[in-house]
Amino acid sequence: MHSTDPDRTRRLHTDLDIGLVLSDAEALRLEVRFSYESADPFAVRMDFRDGPDTVAPWLFSRDLLDAGLRVPSGEGSVRVWPPCRCHGSTTLRILLRGPGGAAVLYIPADPFEGWLAQTFEAVPAGSESSHLLWDDILAKLLRGD
């Protein structure tokens, strides 16, 4: 079994102020942290920094976010739209849908895109599986985690 040395795990994060639109009448400004770890190379995690501690983090496909910076992407409960530069938009938009409703995140595209590019420098596209900690994954599966 191949396993990447955990001491070599790359961790990257960025803190951004985003807009969270819940309805036509309700919108919030929030600070979020986007995190990336080379040991979980397919995912980007988003934590709400100034919200209640009970708000669970969101996990996104790194490839979905990357594609969404250029073309509308996703299906089902998560969809991503690029900034519409022809209309002066500078935000990446992410629609989140669940059984209880929907929300749209407005993320400043330029700083997010720069940070996301760093994740691809740390783990190039196509090399993700070589960064997985296979021994840890197998142990979790066997424990039933």
Protein backbone atom coordinates (compact mmCIF):
# COMPACT_ATOMS: atom_id res chain seq x y z
CA MET A 1 0.00 0.00 0.00
CA HIS A 2 1.34 3.40 -0.94
CA SER A 3 0.95 6.15 1.60
CA THR A 4 2.08 9.75 1.48
CA ASP A 5 4.15 10.93 4.44
CA PRO A 6 1.73 13.00 6.60
CA ASP A 7 4.56 15.41 7.41
CA ARG A 8 4.64 16.29 3.71
CA THR A 9 0.93 17.14 3.60
CA ARG A 10 0.43 20.59 2.12
CA ARG A 11 -2.19 22.76 3.80
CA LEU A 12 -3.44 25.95 2.18
CA HIS A 13 -6.17 28.33 3.26
CA THR A 14 -7.58 31.74 2.49
CA ASP A 15 -10.01 33.91 4.45
CA LEU A 16 -12.53 35.83 2.36
CA ASP A 17 -15.55 38.03 3.00
CA ILE A 18 -18.47 36.66 1.02
CA GLY A 19 -22.12 37.48 0.49
CA LEU A 20 -24.68 34.88 1.54
CA VAL A 21 -28.09 35.51 -0.04
CA LEU A 22 -30.91 33.59 1.58
CA SER A 23 -33.87 35.32 -0.09
CA ASP A 24 -34.87 38.52 -1.87
CA ALA A 25 -35.08 40.18 1.53
CA GLU A 26 -32.26 38.50 3.45
CA ALA A 27 -28.52 38.68 2.77
CA LEU A 28 -25.50 38.48 5.05
CA ARG A 29 -21.80 39.37 4.81
CA LEU A 30 -19.71 36.60 6.31
CA GLU A 31 -16.07 35.72 6.70
CA VAL A 32 -15.29 32.23 5.53
CA ARG A 33 -12.14 30.18 5.34
CA PHE A 34 -11.45 27.99 2.33
CA SER A 35 -9.03 25.18 3.18
CA TYR A 36 -7.20 22.61 1.12
CA GLU A 37 -5.06 19.67 2.22
CA SER A 38 -3.04 17.56 -0.16
CA ALA A 39 -4.04 14.49 1.90
CA ASP A 40 -7.66 15.09 0.75
CA PRO A 41 -6.74 16.29 -2.73
CA PHE A 42 -10.17 16.29 -4.37
CA ALA A 43 -11.91 18.54 -1.82
CA VAL A 44 -12.03 22.19 -0.80
CA ARG A 45 -13.51 22.88 2.63
CA MET A 46 -15.41 26.05 3.52
CA ASP A 47 -15.86 27.02 7.17
CA PHE A 48 -17.94 29.95 8.38
CA ARG A 49 -15.56 31.96 10.58
CA ASP A 50 -17.94 34.47 12.11
CA GLY A 51 -21.10 32.39 12.30
CA PRO A 52 -22.37 30.17 15.07
CA ASP A 53 -20.13 27.23 15.97
CA THR A 54 -23.01 24.92 15.07
CA VAL A 55 -22.70 25.68 11.34
CA ALA A 56 -21.17 22.65 9.67
CA PRO A 57 -18.40 23.11 7.12
CA TRP A 58 -19.14 22.57 3.45
CA LEU A 59 -17.01 20.37 1.21
CA PHE A 60 -16.77 21.13 -2.49
CA SER A 61 -15.14 19.34 -5.38
CA ARG A 62 -11.98 21.24 -6.28
CA ASP A 63 -12.58 20.45 -9.95
CA LEU A 64 -16.14 21.81 -9.76
CA LEU A 65 -14.94 25.12 -8.31
CA ASP A 66 -12.17 25.35 -10.89
CA ALA A 67 -14.54 24.70 -13.79
CA GLY A 68 -17.09 27.13 -12.31
CA LEU A 69 -14.58 29.97 -12.59
CA ARG A 70 -14.86 29.66 -16.39
CA VAL A 71 -18.25 28.11 -17.28
CA PRO A 72 -21.51 27.29 -15.47
CA SER A 73 -20.88 23.97 -13.70
CA GLY A 74 -22.50 21.44 -11.42
CA GLU A 75 -25.87 19.84 -11.08
CA GLY A 76 -28.21 18.90 -8.30
CA SER A 77 -27.62 20.60 -4.95
CA VAL A 78 -24.44 22.54 -5.87
CA ARG A 79 -24.07 24.74 -8.95
CA VAL A 80 -21.35 27.26 -9.77
CA TRP A 81 -21.36 30.25 -12.14
CA PRO A 82 -18.36 32.31 -13.21
CA PRO A 83 -18.20 36.08 -12.90
CA CYS A 84 -20.08 37.75 -15.74
CA ARG A 85 -17.30 40.19 -16.60
CA CYS A 86 -19.33 41.66 -19.49
CA HIS A 87 -21.75 42.99 -16.84
CA GLY A 88 -18.99 44.06 -14.47
CA SER A 89 -19.43 41.15 -12.05
CA THR A 90 -16.36 40.17 -10.05
CA THR A 91 -17.92 37.36 -8.05
CA LEU A 92 -18.07 33.60 -8.37
CA ARG A 93 -21.60 32.45 -7.52
CA ILE A 94 -22.39 29.15 -5.83
CA LEU A 95 -25.98 27.94 -5.44
CA LEU A 96 -26.55 25.55 -2.52
CA ARG A 97 -29.86 23.67 -2.41
CA GLY A 98 -31.13 21.43 0.32
CA PRO A 99 -34.41 20.12 1.66
CA GLY A 100 -34.81 23.25 3.80
CA GLY A 101 -34.24 25.80 1.05
CA ALA A 102 -31.50 27.39 -1.00
CA ALA A 103 -28.79 30.01 -0.67
CA VAL A 104 -26.38 31.72 -3.03
CA LEU A 105 -22.78 32.51 -2.10
CA TYR A 106 -21.07 35.48 -3.76
CA ILE A 107 -17.31 34.94 -3.58
CA PRO A 108 -14.72 37.50 -4.75
CA ALA A 109 -13.41 35.71 -7.83
CA ASP A 110 -9.89 37.12 -8.23
CA PRO A 111 -8.52 36.27 -4.77
CA PHE A 112 -10.33 32.93 -4.79
CA GLU A 113 -8.98 32.03 -8.23
CA GLY A 114 -5.43 32.93 -7.16
CA TRP A 115 -5.72 30.76 -4.07
CA LEU A 116 -7.26 27.86 -6.02
CA ALA A 117 -4.34 28.04 -8.47
CA GLN A 118 -2.01 27.48 -5.49
CA THR A 119 -3.85 24.23 -4.72
CA PHE A 120 -3.13 23.04 -8.26
CA GLU A 121 0.53 23.94 -7.80
CA ALA A 122 0.58 21.87 -4.61
CA VAL A 123 -1.28 18.94 -6.22
CA PRO A 124 -1.46 19.12 -10.01
CA ALA A 125 -4.66 17.96 -11.72
CA GLY A 126 -4.45 14.25 -12.47
CA SER A 127 -2.02 13.48 -9.64
CA GLU A 128 -4.56 13.59 -6.80
CA SER A 129 -4.70 9.83 -6.15
CA SER A 130 -0.95 9.71 -5.51
CA HIS A 131 -1.46 12.08 -2.57
CA LEU A 132 -4.15 10.04 -0.82
CA LEU A 133 -3.18 8.43 2.47
CA TRP A 134 -4.30 4.94 1.44
CA ASP A 135 -3.33 3.26 4.73
CA ASP A 136 -5.44 5.77 6.68
CA ILE A 137 -8.39 5.37 4.30
CA LEU A 138 -8.27 1.59 4.59
CA ALA A 139 -8.05 1.77 8.40
CA LYS A 140 -11.13 4.04 8.52
CA LEU A 141 -13.07 1.69 6.25
CA LEU A 142 -12.18 -1.30 8.38
CA ARG A 143 -13.20 0.57 11.58
CA GLY A 144 -16.47 1.64 9.99
CA ASP A 145 -15.81 5.40 10.36
